[in-house]
Amino acid sequence: MCRSAEDNGLAELDATALEEARAVRVLRLARNRLRAVPTAALASAVRLQALNLADNQISELTSTSLPPLPALHTLILKRNRITHIDERAFASVPALRVL
């Protein structure tokens, strides 16, 4: 299952936005105004395999930016404003292969 919220001008994603979408495997949030990874909203997306956060305003990735997403293998972050990536930023996504 794929969900797309691209080009919507989203500045944040409510923590309950994906509660009913546990089966989502691909989530496209590109070209919005997100300043941070929507950690709380992603927490329920346990089957997520690919996440596109390109073209947002994300400035850093901390050790808690990504919730445990055991199936996530692709994370797209191009064209953001990232100035800092914590050394443990990807510890919660053990299957990550494409960044």
C-alpha atoms as a PDB file:
ATOM      1  CA  MET A   1       0.000   0.000   0.000  1.00  0.00           C
ATOM      2  CA  CYS A   2       1.276   3.446  -0.927  1.00  0.00           C
ATOM      3  CA  ARG A   3       0.258   6.778   0.589  1.00  0.00           C
ATOM      4  CA  SER A   4       1.135  10.128  -0.898  1.00  0.00           C
ATOM      5  CA  ALA A   5       0.893  13.578   0.623  1.00  0.00           C
ATOM      6  CA  GLU A   6       3.300  15.267  -1.755  1.00  0.00           C
ATOM      7  CA  ASP A   7       3.001  18.955  -2.650  1.00  0.00           C
ATOM      8  CA  ASN A   8       0.574  19.775   0.157  1.00  0.00           C
ATOM      9  CA  GLY A   9       2.474  22.472   2.016  1.00  0.00           C
ATOM     10  CA  LEU A  10       2.494  20.360   5.178  1.00  0.00           C
ATOM     11  CA  ALA A  11       4.536  21.881   7.983  1.00  0.00           C
ATOM     12  CA  GLU A  12       3.857  18.937  10.298  1.00  0.00           C
ATOM     13  CA  LEU A  13       2.123  15.593  10.343  1.00  0.00           C
ATOM     14  CA  ASP A  14      -0.216  14.862  13.234  1.00  0.00           C
ATOM     15  CA  ALA A  15       0.847  11.997  15.488  1.00  0.00           C
ATOM     16  CA  THR A  16      -2.362  10.118  14.663  1.00  0.00           C
ATOM     17  CA  ALA A  17      -2.146  10.630  10.898  1.00  0.00           C
ATOM     18  CA  LEU A  18      -1.013   7.080  10.150  1.00  0.00           C
ATOM     19  CA  GLU A  19      -2.702   5.165  12.967  1.00  0.00           C
ATOM     20  CA  GLU A  20      -5.125   3.486  10.574  1.00  0.00           C
ATOM     21  CA  ALA A  21      -2.439   2.867   7.969  1.00  0.00           C
ATOM     22  CA  ARG A  22      -0.287   0.183   9.558  1.00  0.00           C
ATOM     23  CA  ALA A  23      -0.075  -1.639   6.212  1.00  0.00           C
ATOM     24  CA  VAL A  24       1.541   1.316   4.414  1.00  0.00           C
ATOM     25  CA  ARG A  25       4.749   0.204   2.742  1.00  0.00           C
ATOM     26  CA  VAL A  26       5.574   3.377   0.785  1.00  0.00           C
ATOM     27  CA  LEU A  27       5.012   6.898   2.103  1.00  0.00           C
ATOM     28  CA  ARG A  28       5.656   9.975  -0.017  1.00  0.00           C
ATOM     29  CA  LEU A  29       5.903  13.256   1.860  1.00  0.00           C
ATOM     30  CA  ALA A  30       8.116  15.102  -0.624  1.00  0.00           C
ATOM     31  CA  ARG A  31       7.793  18.775  -1.501  1.00  0.00           C
ATOM     32  CA  ASN A  32       6.201  19.978   1.713  1.00  0.00           C
ATOM     33  CA  ARG A  33       7.416  22.296   4.482  1.00  0.00           C
ATOM     34  CA  LEU A  34       8.352  19.695   7.095  1.00  0.00           C
ATOM     35  CA  ARG A  35      11.092  21.010   9.399  1.00  0.00           C
ATOM     36  CA  ALA A  36      11.624  17.655  11.091  1.00  0.00           C
ATOM     37  CA  VAL A  37      10.972  13.993  10.448  1.00  0.00           C
ATOM     38  CA  PRO A  38       7.378  13.320  11.622  1.00  0.00           C
ATOM     39  CA  THR A  39       8.579  10.823  14.240  1.00  0.00           C
ATOM     40  CA  ALA A  40       5.343  10.359  16.188  1.00  0.00           C
ATOM     41  CA  ALA A  41       3.268   9.845  13.036  1.00  0.00           C
ATOM     42  CA  LEU A  42       5.720   7.285  11.661  1.00  0.00           C
ATOM     43  CA  ALA A  43       5.752   5.223  14.854  1.00  0.00           C
ATOM     44  CA  SER A  44       2.666   3.258  13.806  1.00  0.00           C
ATOM     45  CA  ALA A  45       3.937   2.601  10.266  1.00  0.00           C
ATOM     46  CA  VAL A  46       5.716  -0.603  11.281  1.00  0.00           C
ATOM     47  CA  ARG A  47       5.629  -2.116   7.769  1.00  0.00           C
ATOM     48  CA  LEU A  48       7.032   0.967   6.061  1.00  0.00           C
ATOM     49  CA  GLN A  49       9.693   0.050   3.491  1.00  0.00           C
ATOM     50  CA  ALA A  50      10.275   3.338   1.658  1.00  0.00           C
ATOM     51  CA  LEU A  51       9.977   6.917   2.900  1.00  0.00           C
ATOM     52  CA  ASN A  52      10.404   9.958   0.669  1.00  0.00           C
ATOM     53  CA  LEU A  53      11.041  13.198   2.557  1.00  0.00           C
ATOM     54  CA  ALA A  54      12.798  15.026  -0.299  1.00  0.00           C
ATOM     55  CA  ASP A  55      12.389  18.762  -0.815  1.00  0.00           C
ATOM     56  CA  ASN A  56      11.353  19.693   2.711  1.00  0.00           C
ATOM     57  CA  GLN A  57      13.033  21.903   5.322  1.00  0.00           C
ATOM     58  CA  ILE A  58      14.505  19.205   7.563  1.00  0.00           C
ATOM     59  CA  SER A  59      17.638  20.567   9.223  1.00  0.00           C
ATOM     60  CA  GLU A  60      18.898  17.709  11.389  1.00  0.00           C
ATOM     61  CA  LEU A  61      18.631  14.013  12.130  1.00  0.00           C
ATOM     62  CA  THR A  62      19.049  13.079  15.768  1.00  0.00           C
ATOM     63  CA  SER A  63      19.166   9.673  17.411  1.00  0.00           C
ATOM     64  CA  THR A  64      15.399   9.948  17.987  1.00  0.00           C
ATOM     65  CA  SER A  65      14.334  11.394  14.621  1.00  0.00           C
ATOM     66  CA  LEU A  66      13.346   8.006  13.254  1.00  0.00           C
ATOM     67  CA  PRO A  67      11.166   5.649  15.282  1.00  0.00           C
ATOM     68  CA  PRO A  68      11.888   1.901  15.109  1.00  0.00           C
ATOM     69  CA  LEU A  69      11.057   0.983  11.519  1.00  0.00           C
ATOM     70  CA  PRO A  70      12.420  -2.547  11.045  1.00  0.00           C
ATOM     71  CA  ALA A  71      11.380  -2.890   7.387  1.00  0.00           C
ATOM     72  CA  LEU A  72      12.517   0.548   6.141  1.00  0.00           C
ATOM     73  CA  HIS A  73      15.126   0.023   3.429  1.00  0.00           C
ATOM     74  CA  THR A  74      14.855   3.276   1.449  1.00  0.00           C
ATOM     75  CA  LEU A  75      14.963   6.794   2.889  1.00  0.00           C
ATOM     76  CA  ILE A  76      15.072   9.756   0.517  1.00  0.00           C
ATOM     77  CA  LEU A  77      16.190  13.039   2.065  1.00  0.00           C
ATOM     78  CA  LYS A  78      17.623  14.954  -0.892  1.00  0.00           C
ATOM     79  CA  ARG A  79      17.185  18.712  -1.151  1.00  0.00           C
ATOM     80  CA  ASN A  80      16.602  19.390   2.534  1.00  0.00           C
ATOM     81  CA  ARG A  81      18.520  21.769   4.792  1.00  0.00           C
ATOM     82  CA  ILE A  82      20.333  19.126   6.801  1.00  0.00           C
ATOM     83  CA  THR A  83      23.305  20.539   8.697  1.00  0.00           C
ATOM     84  CA  HIS A  84      23.686  17.870  11.382  1.00  0.00           C
ATOM     85  CA  ILE A  85      23.331  14.080  11.433  1.00  0.00           C
ATOM     86  CA  ASP A  86      23.808  12.350  14.774  1.00  0.00           C
ATOM     87  CA  GLU A  87      26.018   9.250  14.609  1.00  0.00           C
ATOM     88  CA  ARG A  88      23.072   7.152  15.897  1.00  0.00           C
ATOM     89  CA  ALA A  89      20.469   8.721  13.586  1.00  0.00           C
ATOM     90  CA  PHE A  90      19.882   5.485  11.685  1.00  0.00           C
ATOM     91  CA  ALA A  91      20.184   3.001  14.559  1.00  0.00           C
ATOM     92  CA  SER A  92      16.422   2.373  14.597  1.00  0.00           C
ATOM     93  CA  VAL A  93      16.287   1.399  10.913  1.00  0.00           C
ATOM     94  CA  PRO A  94      18.464  -1.727  10.643  1.00  0.00           C
ATOM     95  CA  ALA A  95      17.287  -2.673   7.134  1.00  0.00           C
ATOM     96  CA  LEU A  96      18.226   0.721   5.619  1.00  0.00           C
ATOM     97  CA  ARG A  97      20.126   0.205   2.361  1.00  0.00           C
ATOM     98  CA  VAL A  98      19.381   3.297   0.268  1.00  0.00           C
ATOM     99  CA  LEU A  99      19.872   6.790   1.611  1.00  0.00           C
END
